[in-house]
Amino acid sequence: MNNEIMNNDAITTKKIVIDGSLITTKEEFYDFMRLSLGSDILIGSNLDALHDALTTVSYSAEFIVEGRDLLEHNLGSFWEKACEVFNDALDENYNISLSFDS
């Protein structure tokens, strides 16, 4: 799981890599998101809290999913629900983006 700041045309973007080879449980997913976004943002470990955290990100953040197949395998239907939350948040918060590495 890699978090780095990218500087592109005077806009600093926080790059957050969600690595499917390192996340095997919902708890690990929430812990990762909590650390990546800041513990004060994602207090609850549920999808509503994830949505709230993603929609309140006030800086440019790029989420990159690596190992999507592993996440789908390890997290099952929870991963599908988390992706829905990301998609909803993307519609509400233009500071965040989501992409998938192959």
N, C-alpha and C. Protein backbone atom coordinates (compact mmCIF):
# COMPACT_ATOMS: atom_id res chain seq x y z
N MET A 1 0.85 -1.16 0.00
CA MET A 1 0.00 0.00 0.00
C MET A 1 0.89 1.23 0.00
N ASN A 2 0.73 2.00 -1.01
CA ASN A 2 1.63 3.11 -1.23
C ASN A 2 0.84 4.41 -1.20
N ASN A 3 1.29 5.33 -0.40
CA ASN A 3 0.69 6.67 -0.37
C ASN A 3 1.79 7.65 -0.69
N GLU A 4 1.61 8.43 -1.74
CA GLU A 4 2.60 9.43 -2.06
C GLU A 4 1.91 10.67 -2.59
N ILE A 5 2.60 11.77 -2.47
CA ILE A 5 2.08 13.04 -2.96
C ILE A 5 2.68 13.30 -4.34
N MET A 6 1.82 13.62 -5.29
CA MET A 6 2.28 13.94 -6.63
C MET A 6 2.03 15.43 -6.87
N ASN A 7 2.99 16.11 -7.48
CA ASN A 7 2.83 17.52 -7.80
C ASN A 7 2.70 17.65 -9.30
N ASN A 8 1.53 18.09 -9.75
CA ASN A 8 1.24 18.19 -11.17
C ASN A 8 0.63 19.56 -11.45
N ASP A 9 1.39 20.41 -12.13
CA ASP A 9 0.89 21.75 -12.48
C ASP A 9 0.38 22.51 -11.26
N ALA A 10 1.14 22.51 -10.21
CA ALA A 10 0.85 23.26 -8.99
C ALA A 10 -0.32 22.69 -8.19
N ILE A 11 -0.86 21.55 -8.62
CA ILE A 11 -1.90 20.88 -7.85
C ILE A 11 -1.27 19.64 -7.22
N THR A 12 -1.31 19.57 -5.92
CA THR A 12 -0.75 18.43 -5.24
C THR A 12 -1.84 17.37 -5.07
N THR A 13 -1.56 16.18 -5.56
CA THR A 13 -2.50 15.07 -5.48
C THR A 13 -1.93 13.98 -4.59
N LYS A 14 -2.72 13.55 -3.66
CA LYS A 14 -2.32 12.42 -2.82
C LYS A 14 -2.71 11.15 -3.55
N LYS A 15 -1.73 10.33 -3.84
CA LYS A 15 -1.94 9.07 -4.55
C LYS A 15 -2.08 7.96 -3.51
N ILE A 16 -3.22 7.27 -3.51
CA ILE A 16 -3.50 6.23 -2.52
C ILE A 16 -3.72 4.92 -3.26
N VAL A 17 -2.79 3.97 -3.09
CA VAL A 17 -2.87 2.68 -3.76
C VAL A 17 -3.54 1.68 -2.84
N ILE A 18 -4.67 1.15 -3.28
CA ILE A 18 -5.38 0.11 -2.56
C ILE A 18 -4.91 -1.22 -3.15
N ASP A 19 -4.05 -1.91 -2.44
CA ASP A 19 -3.37 -3.11 -2.94
C ASP A 19 -4.10 -4.37 -2.48
N GLY A 20 -4.70 -5.06 -3.44
CA GLY A 20 -5.46 -6.27 -3.14
C GLY A 20 -4.63 -7.40 -2.57
N SER A 21 -3.32 -7.36 -2.77
CA SER A 21 -2.48 -8.42 -2.21
C SER A 21 -2.21 -8.21 -0.73
N LEU A 22 -2.55 -7.02 -0.22
CA LEU A 22 -2.28 -6.72 1.18
C LEU A 22 -3.55 -6.59 2.02
N ILE A 23 -4.70 -6.53 1.38
CA ILE A 23 -5.97 -6.36 2.10
C ILE A 23 -6.78 -7.64 1.94
N THR A 24 -6.98 -8.34 3.05
CA THR A 24 -7.67 -9.63 2.98
C THR A 24 -8.99 -9.66 3.74
N THR A 25 -9.27 -8.62 4.52
CA THR A 25 -10.50 -8.58 5.31
C THR A 25 -11.11 -7.17 5.26
N LYS A 26 -12.40 -7.09 5.60
CA LYS A 26 -13.05 -5.77 5.69
C LYS A 26 -12.33 -4.90 6.70
N GLU A 27 -11.92 -5.49 7.81
CA GLU A 27 -11.24 -4.73 8.87
C GLU A 27 -9.94 -4.13 8.34
N GLU A 28 -9.18 -4.91 7.55
CA GLU A 28 -7.94 -4.38 6.98
C GLU A 28 -8.25 -3.26 5.98
N PHE A 29 -9.33 -3.41 5.23
CA PHE A 29 -9.72 -2.37 4.29
C PHE A 29 -10.03 -1.06 5.04
N TYR A 30 -10.85 -1.16 6.08
CA TYR A 30 -11.19 0.04 6.85
C TYR A 30 -9.96 0.63 7.54
N ASP A 31 -9.09 -0.21 8.07
CA ASP A 31 -7.86 0.29 8.70
C ASP A 31 -7.02 1.05 7.68
N PHE A 32 -6.90 0.48 6.48
CA PHE A 32 -6.12 1.13 5.43
C PHE A 32 -6.73 2.48 5.06
N MET A 33 -8.04 2.50 4.86
CA MET A 33 -8.70 3.75 4.50
C MET A 33 -8.57 4.78 5.62
N ARG A 34 -8.69 4.34 6.85
CA ARG A 34 -8.57 5.24 8.00
C ARG A 34 -7.17 5.87 8.01
N LEU A 35 -6.15 5.06 7.80
CA LEU A 35 -4.77 5.58 7.79
C LEU A 35 -4.52 6.48 6.59
N SER A 36 -5.08 6.13 5.45
CA SER A 36 -4.85 6.90 4.24
C SER A 36 -5.54 8.25 4.27
N LEU A 37 -6.74 8.29 4.84
CA LEU A 37 -7.52 9.53 4.85
C LEU A 37 -7.31 10.35 6.11
N GLY A 38 -6.85 9.72 7.15
CA GLY A 38 -6.70 10.37 8.44
C GLY A 38 -7.70 9.79 9.42
N SER A 39 -7.26 9.39 10.57
CA SER A 39 -8.12 8.67 11.51
C SER A 39 -9.33 9.49 11.95
N ASP A 40 -9.22 10.81 11.90
CA ASP A 40 -10.34 11.64 12.33
C ASP A 40 -11.46 11.69 11.29
N ILE A 41 -11.19 11.26 10.08
CA ILE A 41 -12.21 11.32 9.03
C ILE A 41 -13.09 10.08 9.03
N LEU A 42 -12.48 8.91 9.10
CA LEU A 42 -13.22 7.65 9.01
C LEU A 42 -13.28 7.01 10.39
N ILE A 43 -14.21 7.47 11.21
CA ILE A 43 -14.32 6.98 12.58
C ILE A 43 -14.98 5.61 12.61
N GLY A 44 -16.13 5.49 11.97
CA GLY A 44 -16.86 4.23 11.98
C GLY A 44 -16.31 3.26 10.95
N SER A 45 -16.46 1.99 11.21
CA SER A 45 -16.05 0.98 10.24
C SER A 45 -17.29 0.43 9.56
N ASN A 46 -17.89 1.28 8.71
CA ASN A 46 -19.06 0.86 7.95
C ASN A 46 -19.10 1.67 6.67
N LEU A 47 -19.95 1.25 5.75
CA LEU A 47 -19.99 1.89 4.44
C LEU A 47 -20.51 3.33 4.49
N ASP A 48 -21.40 3.62 5.42
CA ASP A 48 -21.87 5.00 5.56
C ASP A 48 -20.73 5.92 5.97
N ALA A 49 -19.90 5.45 6.89
CA ALA A 49 -18.74 6.25 7.33
C ALA A 49 -17.74 6.41 6.19
N LEU A 50 -17.56 5.37 5.40
CA LEU A 50 -16.67 5.47 4.24
C LEU A 50 -17.19 6.53 3.27
N HIS A 51 -18.47 6.50 3.01
CA HIS A 51 -19.07 7.51 2.12
C HIS A 51 -18.86 8.91 2.67
N ASP A 52 -19.12 9.09 3.96
CA ASP A 52 -18.92 10.40 4.58
C ASP A 52 -17.47 10.85 4.46
N ALA A 53 -16.54 9.92 4.70
CA ALA A 53 -15.12 10.26 4.62
C ALA A 53 -14.73 10.66 3.20
N LEU A 54 -15.18 9.89 2.22
CA LEU A 54 -14.82 10.18 0.83
C LEU A 54 -15.43 11.49 0.34
N THR A 55 -16.62 11.79 0.77
CA THR A 55 -17.27 13.02 0.29
C THR A 55 -16.76 14.26 1.01
N THR A 56 -16.03 14.10 2.08
CA THR A 56 -15.49 15.27 2.79
C THR A 56 -14.00 15.49 2.53
N VAL A 57 -13.39 14.68 1.68
CA VAL A 57 -11.98 14.90 1.34
C VAL A 57 -11.87 16.25 0.65
N SER A 58 -11.06 17.13 1.21
CA SER A 58 -10.97 18.50 0.69
C SER A 58 -9.69 18.74 -0.13
N TYR A 59 -8.90 17.72 -0.34
CA TYR A 59 -7.68 17.82 -1.12
C TYR A 59 -7.81 16.86 -2.31
N SER A 60 -6.95 17.01 -3.28
CA SER A 60 -6.97 16.15 -4.44
C SER A 60 -6.40 14.77 -4.06
N ALA A 61 -7.21 13.72 -4.25
CA ALA A 61 -6.79 12.37 -3.90
C ALA A 61 -7.13 11.41 -5.04
N GLU A 62 -6.14 10.66 -5.45
CA GLU A 62 -6.33 9.66 -6.50
C GLU A 62 -6.20 8.28 -5.87
N PHE A 63 -7.28 7.51 -5.91
CA PHE A 63 -7.29 6.14 -5.41
C PHE A 63 -7.01 5.22 -6.59
N ILE A 64 -5.99 4.38 -6.45
CA ILE A 64 -5.62 3.44 -7.50
C ILE A 64 -5.74 2.04 -6.92
N VAL A 65 -6.58 1.23 -7.55
CA VAL A 65 -6.79 -0.14 -7.09
C VAL A 65 -5.86 -1.06 -7.87
N GLU A 66 -5.01 -1.77 -7.13
CA GLU A 66 -4.15 -2.79 -7.71
C GLU A 66 -4.60 -4.14 -7.16
N GLY A 67 -4.65 -5.14 -8.00
CA GLY A 67 -5.08 -6.46 -7.54
C GLY A 67 -6.57 -6.53 -7.31
N ARG A 68 -7.32 -5.98 -8.25
CA ARG A 68 -8.78 -5.97 -8.12
C ARG A 68 -9.36 -7.37 -7.94
N ASP A 69 -8.83 -8.34 -8.70
CA ASP A 69 -9.32 -9.72 -8.59
C ASP A 69 -9.13 -10.26 -7.17
N LEU A 70 -8.01 -9.93 -6.55
CA LEU A 70 -7.76 -10.37 -5.18
C LEU A 70 -8.73 -9.73 -4.20
N LEU A 71 -9.00 -8.45 -4.40
CA LEU A 71 -9.97 -7.77 -3.54
C LEU A 71 -11.35 -8.39 -3.68
N GLU A 72 -11.73 -8.67 -4.91
CA GLU A 72 -13.03 -9.31 -5.14
C GLU A 72 -13.09 -10.69 -4.48
N HIS A 73 -11.99 -11.42 -4.58
CA HIS A 73 -11.94 -12.75 -3.96
C HIS A 73 -11.94 -12.65 -2.43
N ASN A 74 -11.08 -11.80 -1.89
CA ASN A 74 -10.92 -11.71 -0.43
C ASN A 74 -12.11 -11.06 0.27
N LEU A 75 -12.71 -10.06 -0.37
CA LEU A 75 -13.75 -9.29 0.30
C LEU A 75 -15.16 -9.61 -0.20
N GLY A 76 -15.25 -10.35 -1.28
CA GLY A 76 -16.56 -10.78 -1.78
C GLY A 76 -17.51 -9.63 -2.05
N SER A 77 -18.75 -9.80 -1.62
CA SER A 77 -19.78 -8.80 -1.89
C SER A 77 -19.49 -7.46 -1.21
N PHE A 78 -18.71 -7.47 -0.14
CA PHE A 78 -18.34 -6.20 0.49
C PHE A 78 -17.58 -5.31 -0.49
N TRP A 79 -16.69 -5.89 -1.29
CA TRP A 79 -15.93 -5.09 -2.25
C TRP A 79 -16.86 -4.44 -3.26
N GLU A 80 -17.87 -5.18 -3.72
CA GLU A 80 -18.85 -4.61 -4.65
C GLU A 80 -19.56 -3.41 -4.02
N LYS A 81 -19.93 -3.54 -2.76
CA LYS A 81 -20.61 -2.45 -2.05
C LYS A 81 -19.67 -1.27 -1.86
N ALA A 82 -18.41 -1.54 -1.54
CA ALA A 82 -17.43 -0.47 -1.37
C ALA A 82 -17.23 0.28 -2.69
N CYS A 83 -17.22 -0.44 -3.80
CA CYS A 83 -17.09 0.21 -5.12
C CYS A 83 -18.30 1.10 -5.40
N GLU A 84 -19.48 0.66 -5.00
CA GLU A 84 -20.68 1.50 -5.16
C GLU A 84 -20.55 2.78 -4.35
N VAL A 85 -20.02 2.65 -3.13
CA VAL A 85 -19.81 3.83 -2.28
C VAL A 85 -18.82 4.78 -2.95
N PHE A 86 -17.72 4.23 -3.49
CA PHE A 86 -16.75 5.07 -4.20
C PHE A 86 -17.43 5.79 -5.37
N ASN A 87 -18.22 5.07 -6.15
CA ASN A 87 -18.88 5.68 -7.31
C ASN A 87 -19.83 6.79 -6.88
N ASP A 88 -20.59 6.56 -5.83
CA ASP A 88 -21.47 7.60 -5.31
C ASP A 88 -20.67 8.82 -4.85
N ALA A 89 -19.58 8.57 -4.16
CA ALA A 89 -18.75 9.66 -3.65
C ALA A 89 -18.10 10.44 -4.79
N LEU A 90 -17.74 9.74 -5.86
CA LEU A 90 -17.14 10.41 -7.02
C LEU A 90 -18.11 11.42 -7.63
N ASP A 91 -19.39 11.09 -7.60
CA ASP A 91 -20.40 12.01 -8.12
C ASP A 91 -20.56 13.25 -7.25
N GLU A 92 -20.23 13.12 -5.97
CA GLU A 92 -20.42 14.22 -5.02
C GLU A 92 -19.16 15.03 -4.74
N ASN A 93 -18.00 14.42 -4.93
CA ASN A 93 -16.75 15.09 -4.55
C ASN A 93 -15.76 15.02 -5.71
N TYR A 94 -15.53 16.15 -6.36
CA TYR A 94 -14.63 16.19 -7.50
C TYR A 94 -13.16 16.23 -7.10
N ASN A 95 -12.88 16.20 -5.82
CA ASN A 95 -11.49 16.15 -5.34
C ASN A 95 -10.90 14.75 -5.43
N ILE A 96 -11.77 13.74 -5.56
CA ILE A 96 -11.28 12.36 -5.57
C ILE A 96 -11.47 11.72 -6.94
N SER A 97 -10.59 10.75 -7.22
CA SER A 97 -10.72 9.95 -8.44
C SER A 97 -10.40 8.51 -8.10
N LEU A 98 -10.83 7.61 -8.96
CA LEU A 98 -10.62 6.18 -8.76
C LEU A 98 -10.24 5.55 -10.08
N SER A 99 -9.17 4.76 -10.06
CA SER A 99 -8.77 4.03 -11.25
C SER A 99 -8.33 2.62 -10.85
N PHE A 100 -8.28 1.76 -11.84
CA PHE A 100 -7.92 0.37 -11.61
C PHE A 100 -6.71 0.02 -12.46
N ASP A 101 -5.65 -0.47 -11.81
CA ASP A 101 -4.48 -0.98 -12.52
C ASP A 101 -4.75 -2.40 -12.94
N SER A 102 -4.25 -2.75 -14.09
CA SER A 102 -4.46 -4.13 -14.55
C SER A 102 -3.35 -5.05 -14.10
